[in-house]
Amino acid sequence: MKEQIIEAQDMPCPPRSRTLADPVWVRWSLTLLALLILTVLVIIPVIAVFYQALSRGLGVYFDNLFNDPDTRHAVLLTLIVAPCAVALNLVFGVAAAWAIARFRFRGRTLLITLIDIPFSISPVVVGLMFVLLFGLGGYFGPWLREHGIQVLFATPGLILATTFVTLPFVARELIPLMEAIGPDEELAALSLGANGRQIFWRITLPNIRWGILYGVILCNARAMGEFGAVYVVSGHIAGETNTMPLQIEQLFQGFNSTGAFAVASVLTMLAVVTLLLKVIAEQRARQTVKAANVLGGPKGFSIDN
């Protein structure tokens, strides 16, 4: 028996590339199929957006973007709502990731599940939920009206709805990253006498900065393109509560297709920039995790200054 085992161990193994490689026709077929689907679903629609936006010339294109007061207000409102939602999600995401990755407590699994709820609920249902809470006949509506606070059909409602639908992005990027990095460096800093603020700014934040950027990029892209929840809580008031996606829908319904595609092209360009930043941040985050796994130990810590 021992001789058979020794002989089996001495037998040469087949090359890994030969045993795992698919036939050439399979690889080419899958590659062409993927390119075909990508072309039909992504490339052609993107080209069509810019073609329709520029079909009547650059003058009409810029006129639709800069000379329409409702469009200008929609762009400005989007640039207010999206950063506010990202900032709120950034604070929540870092706090939730720290608690989940560094502590074991009762209700931890429930917290992780609750973070994923916005992924499983329709944005329209989210909007209706806020109407139920903050509408005139809702739970908090009468109290808000008595104190002169308006949430629905105003900027606060847009920020709340956008924050809810983008809630998981930052937290979901940071939780696996912080678990992969581990608490060794933070514990080493704590043993050297560092306080919580020093540990966060000098140890935790440098290690997760690319993960934060990745989550913020995804969160911002989702926030700028949100339609369903914002449509319900905004009331769709032109020049007041319309964000860029809502303005596109209103322009298209008003038979101003060139203006609608002009605004859509701006969102498309923002999406391309977001994609490039996403790729860079994703690569940096992977390098951080790889370096942490290779080095294994603390990088050193100084509590001076």
Protein backbone atom coordinates (compact mmCIF):
# COMPACT_ATOMS: atom_id res chain seq x y z
CA MET A 1 0.00 0.00 0.00
CA LYS A 2 2.78 2.40 0.89
CA GLU A 3 4.57 1.61 -2.37
CA GLN A 4 1.42 2.45 -4.35
CA ILE A 5 1.07 5.77 -2.56
CA ILE A 6 4.72 6.61 -3.25
CA GLU A 7 4.31 5.71 -6.91
CA ALA A 8 1.17 7.84 -7.17
CA GLN A 9 2.99 10.78 -5.63
CA ASP A 10 5.88 10.39 -8.07
CA MET A 11 3.59 10.38 -11.12
CA PRO A 12 3.81 13.68 -13.05
CA CYS A 13 0.69 15.82 -12.87
CA PRO A 14 -0.82 17.12 -16.11
CA PRO A 15 -0.14 20.77 -16.85
CA ARG A 16 -2.62 23.03 -15.05
CA SER A 17 -3.31 25.12 -18.14
CA ARG A 18 -4.21 22.07 -20.20
CA THR A 19 -6.57 20.59 -17.61
CA LEU A 20 -8.43 23.84 -16.89
CA ALA A 21 -8.40 25.56 -20.29
CA ASP A 22 -11.65 25.47 -22.26
CA PRO A 23 -11.66 24.74 -25.98
CA VAL A 24 -10.87 27.69 -28.20
CA TRP A 25 -14.34 27.76 -29.75
CA VAL A 26 -15.94 27.93 -26.27
CA ARG A 27 -13.80 30.88 -25.21
CA TRP A 28 -14.38 32.79 -28.44
CA SER A 29 -18.12 32.08 -28.38
CA LEU A 30 -18.50 33.33 -24.81
CA THR A 31 -16.36 36.39 -25.52
CA LEU A 32 -18.34 37.31 -28.63
CA LEU A 33 -21.63 36.73 -26.81
CA ALA A 34 -20.53 39.00 -23.95
CA LEU A 35 -19.43 41.70 -26.40
CA LEU A 36 -22.70 41.44 -28.30
CA ILE A 37 -24.79 41.84 -25.16
CA LEU A 38 -22.59 44.72 -23.97
CA THR A 39 -22.94 46.44 -27.32
CA VAL A 40 -26.72 46.10 -27.44
CA LEU A 41 -27.41 47.04 -23.82
CA VAL A 42 -24.70 49.64 -23.15
CA ILE A 43 -22.69 50.92 -26.09
CA ILE A 44 -25.52 51.52 -28.57
CA PRO A 45 -27.80 53.29 -26.00
CA VAL A 46 -24.91 55.55 -24.90
CA ILE A 47 -24.12 56.48 -28.50
CA ALA A 48 -27.82 57.09 -29.15
CA VAL A 49 -28.05 59.47 -26.18
CA PHE A 50 -25.22 61.68 -27.45
CA TYR A 51 -26.44 61.46 -31.04
CA GLN A 52 -29.92 62.64 -30.09
CA ALA A 53 -28.54 65.34 -27.78
CA LEU A 54 -26.30 66.78 -30.54
CA SER A 55 -28.63 66.11 -33.47
CA ARG A 56 -29.59 69.79 -33.78
CA GLY A 57 -26.12 71.20 -33.20
CA LEU A 58 -24.00 72.40 -30.31
CA GLY A 59 -25.89 75.67 -30.06
CA VAL A 60 -29.19 73.97 -29.33
CA TYR A 61 -27.43 71.51 -27.02
CA PHE A 62 -25.91 74.19 -24.80
CA ASP A 63 -29.07 76.28 -25.02
CA ASN A 64 -31.08 73.40 -23.54
CA LEU A 65 -28.56 72.97 -20.75
CA PHE A 66 -27.84 76.57 -19.73
CA ASN A 67 -30.71 78.75 -20.90
CA ASP A 68 -33.60 76.71 -19.49
CA PRO A 69 -34.17 77.87 -15.88
CA ASP A 70 -35.92 74.63 -14.90
CA THR A 71 -32.98 72.57 -16.15
CA ARG A 72 -30.49 74.79 -14.34
CA HIS A 73 -32.46 74.41 -11.14
CA ALA A 74 -32.64 70.63 -11.62
CA VAL A 75 -28.86 70.42 -12.02
CA LEU A 76 -28.31 72.62 -8.96
CA LEU A 77 -30.79 70.62 -6.88
CA THR A 78 -29.11 67.36 -7.90
CA LEU A 79 -25.74 68.80 -6.86
CA ILE A 80 -27.26 69.59 -3.45
CA VAL A 81 -29.19 66.38 -2.82
CA ALA A 82 -26.53 63.91 -3.95
CA PRO A 83 -23.63 65.26 -1.81
CA CYS A 84 -25.89 65.51 1.25
CA ALA A 85 -27.00 61.90 0.82
CA VAL A 86 -23.40 60.79 0.29
CA ALA A 87 -22.23 62.62 3.42
CA LEU A 88 -24.95 61.02 5.55
CA ASN A 89 -24.18 57.58 4.14
CA LEU A 90 -20.47 58.11 4.69
CA VAL A 91 -20.97 58.76 8.40
CA PHE A 92 -23.38 55.85 8.76
CA GLY A 93 -21.26 53.50 6.64
CA VAL A 94 -18.06 54.06 8.58
CA ALA A 95 -19.83 53.73 11.94
CA ALA A 96 -21.71 50.58 10.90
CA ALA A 97 -18.63 48.97 9.35
CA TRP A 98 -16.56 49.70 12.45
CA ALA A 99 -19.19 48.20 14.75
CA ILE A 100 -19.78 45.10 12.60
CA ALA A 101 -16.13 44.37 11.72
CA ARG A 102 -14.58 45.08 15.11
CA PHE A 103 -17.21 43.94 17.64
CA ARG A 104 -19.40 40.91 18.29
CA PHE A 105 -22.69 41.85 19.89
CA ARG A 106 -26.27 40.68 20.09
CA GLY A 107 -28.20 41.85 17.04
CA ARG A 108 -25.14 42.03 14.78
CA THR A 109 -26.70 39.76 12.17
CA LEU A 110 -29.92 41.76 12.31
CA LEU A 111 -27.98 44.98 11.69
CA ILE A 112 -26.29 43.48 8.64
CA THR A 113 -29.70 42.39 7.33
CA LEU A 114 -31.23 45.82 7.92
CA ILE A 115 -28.42 47.47 5.96
CA ASP A 116 -29.42 45.41 2.91
CA ILE A 117 -33.13 46.32 3.06
CA PRO A 118 -32.87 49.21 0.55
CA PHE A 119 -31.59 46.71 -2.02
CA SER A 120 -34.72 44.59 -1.70
CA ILE A 121 -37.39 47.32 -1.61
CA SER A 122 -38.70 49.12 -4.68
CA PRO A 123 -37.77 52.84 -4.68
CA VAL A 124 -41.43 53.69 -5.29
CA VAL A 125 -42.34 51.82 -2.09
CA VAL A 126 -39.66 53.84 -0.29
CA GLY A 127 -41.27 57.04 -1.49
CA LEU A 128 -44.69 55.90 -0.34
CA MET A 129 -43.20 55.00 3.02
CA PHE A 130 -41.96 58.57 3.49
CA VAL A 131 -45.36 59.89 2.42
CA LEU A 132 -46.93 57.73 5.12
CA LEU A 133 -44.48 59.08 7.69
CA PHE A 134 -44.25 62.77 6.77
CA GLY A 135 -47.43 63.48 4.79
CA LEU A 136 -50.22 65.64 6.19
CA GLY A 137 -52.15 62.52 7.14
CA GLY A 138 -49.04 60.60 8.21
CA TYR A 139 -47.58 59.85 11.61
CA PHE A 140 -45.36 62.95 11.86
CA GLY A 141 -47.17 65.18 9.36
CA PRO A 142 -49.43 67.12 11.78
CA TRP A 143 -46.56 67.83 14.17
CA LEU A 144 -44.30 69.00 11.33
CA ARG A 145 -47.04 71.25 10.00
CA GLU A 146 -47.60 72.85 13.41
CA HIS A 147 -43.90 73.68 13.66
CA GLY A 148 -43.59 74.94 10.09
CA ILE A 149 -41.33 72.14 8.90
CA GLN A 150 -41.86 70.83 5.38
CA VAL A 151 -40.30 67.51 4.44
CA LEU A 152 -42.33 66.28 1.50
CA PHE A 153 -42.27 68.29 -1.75
CA ALA A 154 -39.09 69.98 -0.52
CA THR A 155 -35.35 69.40 -0.42
CA PRO A 156 -35.34 67.52 2.95
CA GLY A 157 -37.66 64.87 1.53
CA LEU A 158 -35.43 64.42 -1.51
CA ILE A 159 -32.37 64.01 0.71
CA LEU A 160 -34.12 61.49 2.99
CA ALA A 161 -35.38 59.38 0.10
CA THR A 162 -32.02 59.45 -1.69
CA THR A 163 -30.15 58.60 1.51
CA PHE A 164 -32.37 55.60 2.15
CA VAL A 165 -31.99 54.03 -1.29
CA THR A 166 -28.20 54.52 -1.22
CA LEU A 167 -27.75 53.42 2.41
CA PRO A 168 -25.87 50.12 1.87
CA PHE A 169 -23.16 51.24 -0.56
CA VAL A 170 -20.50 52.65 1.78
CA ALA A 171 -21.13 50.17 4.59
CA ARG A 172 -21.14 47.17 2.26
CA GLU A 173 -17.78 48.18 0.79
CA LEU A 174 -16.11 48.82 4.14
CA ILE A 175 -17.31 45.78 6.11
CA PRO A 176 -15.40 43.10 4.12
CA LEU A 177 -12.40 45.41 3.75
CA MET A 178 -12.10 46.02 7.48
CA GLU A 179 -12.62 42.33 8.24
CA ALA A 180 -9.86 41.42 5.77
CA ILE A 181 -7.42 43.96 7.23
CA GLY A 182 -8.13 42.87 10.79
CA PRO A 183 -7.68 44.73 14.08
CA ASP A 184 -3.98 43.93 14.67
CA GLU A 185 -2.62 47.39 13.85
CA GLU A 186 -5.32 49.09 15.90
CA LEU A 187 -4.60 46.85 18.88
CA ALA A 188 -0.90 47.55 18.55
CA ALA A 189 -1.58 51.30 18.53
CA LEU A 190 -3.84 50.92 21.56
CA SER A 191 -1.10 49.06 23.42
CA LEU A 192 1.26 51.96 22.68
CA GLY A 193 -1.11 54.39 24.36
CA ALA A 194 -3.01 55.85 21.41
CA ASN A 195 -6.52 57.08 21.99
CA GLY A 196 -9.54 56.40 19.78
CA ARG A 197 -9.15 59.54 17.69
CA GLN A 198 -5.50 58.81 16.95
CA ILE A 199 -6.24 55.19 16.09
CA PHE A 200 -8.97 56.17 13.65
CA TRP A 201 -7.10 58.96 11.85
CA ARG A 202 -3.66 57.31 11.74
CA ILE A 203 -4.44 53.60 11.47
CA THR A 204 -8.00 52.85 10.42
CA LEU A 205 -8.64 55.67 7.95
CA PRO A 206 -5.41 55.23 5.91
CA ASN A 207 -6.16 51.51 5.58
CA ILE A 208 -9.74 51.95 4.39
CA ARG A 209 -9.47 55.23 2.46
CA TRP A 210 -9.71 53.54 -0.95
CA GLY A 211 -12.65 51.46 0.20
CA ILE A 212 -14.35 54.63 1.39
CA LEU A 213 -13.71 56.30 -1.96
CA TYR A 214 -15.08 53.26 -3.79
CA GLY A 215 -18.25 53.25 -1.72
CA VAL A 216 -18.69 57.02 -2.04
CA ILE A 217 -18.35 56.81 -5.84
CA LEU A 218 -21.02 54.12 -6.08
CA CYS A 219 -23.25 55.96 -3.63
CA ASN A 220 -22.93 59.23 -5.55
CA ALA A 221 -23.69 57.55 -8.88
CA ARG A 222 -26.82 55.95 -7.46
CA ALA A 223 -27.89 59.18 -5.76
CA MET A 224 -27.59 61.29 -8.90
CA GLY A 225 -29.59 58.80 -10.94
CA GLU A 226 -32.36 58.07 -8.43
CA PHE A 227 -35.83 58.42 -9.90
CA GLY A 228 -38.56 56.33 -8.22
CA ALA A 229 -38.35 57.39 -4.58
CA VAL A 230 -37.55 61.00 -5.46
CA TYR A 231 -40.48 61.13 -7.90
CA VAL A 232 -42.94 60.22 -5.13
CA VAL A 233 -41.67 62.56 -2.41
CA SER A 234 -40.92 65.53 -4.69
CA GLY A 235 -44.34 66.03 -6.21
CA HIS A 236 -42.62 66.51 -9.57
CA ILE A 237 -42.77 70.33 -9.38
CA ALA A 238 -40.84 71.91 -12.27
CA GLY A 239 -38.29 74.48 -11.16
CA GLU A 240 -38.66 73.54 -7.49
CA THR A 241 -38.31 69.83 -6.71
CA ASN A 242 -37.19 68.28 -10.01
CA THR A 243 -33.78 66.66 -9.98
CA MET A 244 -31.99 65.79 -13.22
CA PRO A 245 -33.70 62.40 -13.77
CA LEU A 246 -37.11 63.97 -13.13
CA GLN A 247 -36.30 66.87 -15.44
CA ILE A 248 -35.37 64.41 -18.19
CA GLU A 249 -38.73 62.70 -17.82
CA GLN A 250 -40.62 66.00 -17.84
CA LEU A 251 -38.79 67.31 -20.91
CA PHE A 252 -39.43 64.08 -22.77
CA GLN A 253 -43.11 64.12 -21.84
CA GLY A 254 -43.24 67.73 -23.05
CA PHE A 255 -41.96 66.62 -26.49
CA ASN A 256 -38.60 68.33 -25.98
CA SER A 257 -36.60 65.23 -26.76
CA THR A 258 -33.44 67.20 -27.61
CA GLY A 259 -33.46 68.84 -24.19
CA ALA A 260 -34.18 65.54 -22.49
CA PHE A 261 -31.27 63.85 -24.23
CA ALA A 262 -29.03 66.85 -23.49
CA VAL A 263 -29.62 66.46 -19.75
CA ALA A 264 -29.29 62.67 -20.12
CA SER A 265 -25.91 63.14 -21.79
CA VAL A 266 -24.68 65.05 -18.74
CA LEU A 267 -25.72 62.16 -16.51
CA THR A 268 -24.03 59.76 -18.94
CA MET A 269 -20.76 61.69 -18.80
CA LEU A 270 -20.93 61.70 -15.02
CA ALA A 271 -21.48 57.94 -15.14
CA VAL A 272 -18.36 57.47 -17.31
CA VAL A 273 -16.26 59.55 -14.92
CA THR A 274 -17.72 57.58 -12.02
CA LEU A 275 -16.80 54.32 -13.74
CA LEU A 276 -13.19 55.40 -14.20
CA LEU A 277 -12.90 56.50 -10.58
CA LYS A 278 -14.55 53.24 -9.50
CA VAL A 279 -11.94 51.16 -11.34
CA ILE A 280 -9.07 53.14 -9.79
CA ALA A 281 -10.53 52.94 -6.28
CA GLU A 282 -11.27 49.22 -6.65
CA GLN A 283 -7.67 48.49 -7.67
CA ARG A 284 -6.32 50.52 -4.76
CA ALA A 285 -8.62 48.74 -2.31
CA ARG A 286 -7.46 45.34 -3.58
CA GLN A 287 -3.84 46.40 -3.22
CA THR A 288 -4.52 47.46 0.36
CA VAL A 289 -6.07 44.11 1.25
CA LYS A 290 -3.28 42.23 -0.52
CA ALA A 291 -0.59 44.21 1.29
CA ALA A 292 -2.31 43.59 4.63
CA ASN A 293 -2.51 39.86 3.96
CA VAL A 294 1.13 39.66 2.84
CA LEU A 295 2.66 41.73 5.61
CA GLY A 296 0.46 40.31 8.32
CA GLY A 297 1.78 42.44 11.19
CA PRO A 298 1.49 46.04 12.30
CA LYS A 299 3.25 48.63 10.16
CA GLY A 300 4.32 50.63 13.14
CA PHE A 301 2.68 53.52 14.92
CA SER A 302 3.75 56.81 16.39
CA ILE A 303 1.55 58.94 18.61
CA ASP A 304 3.61 62.09 18.28
CA ASN A 305 1.67 65.25 17.43
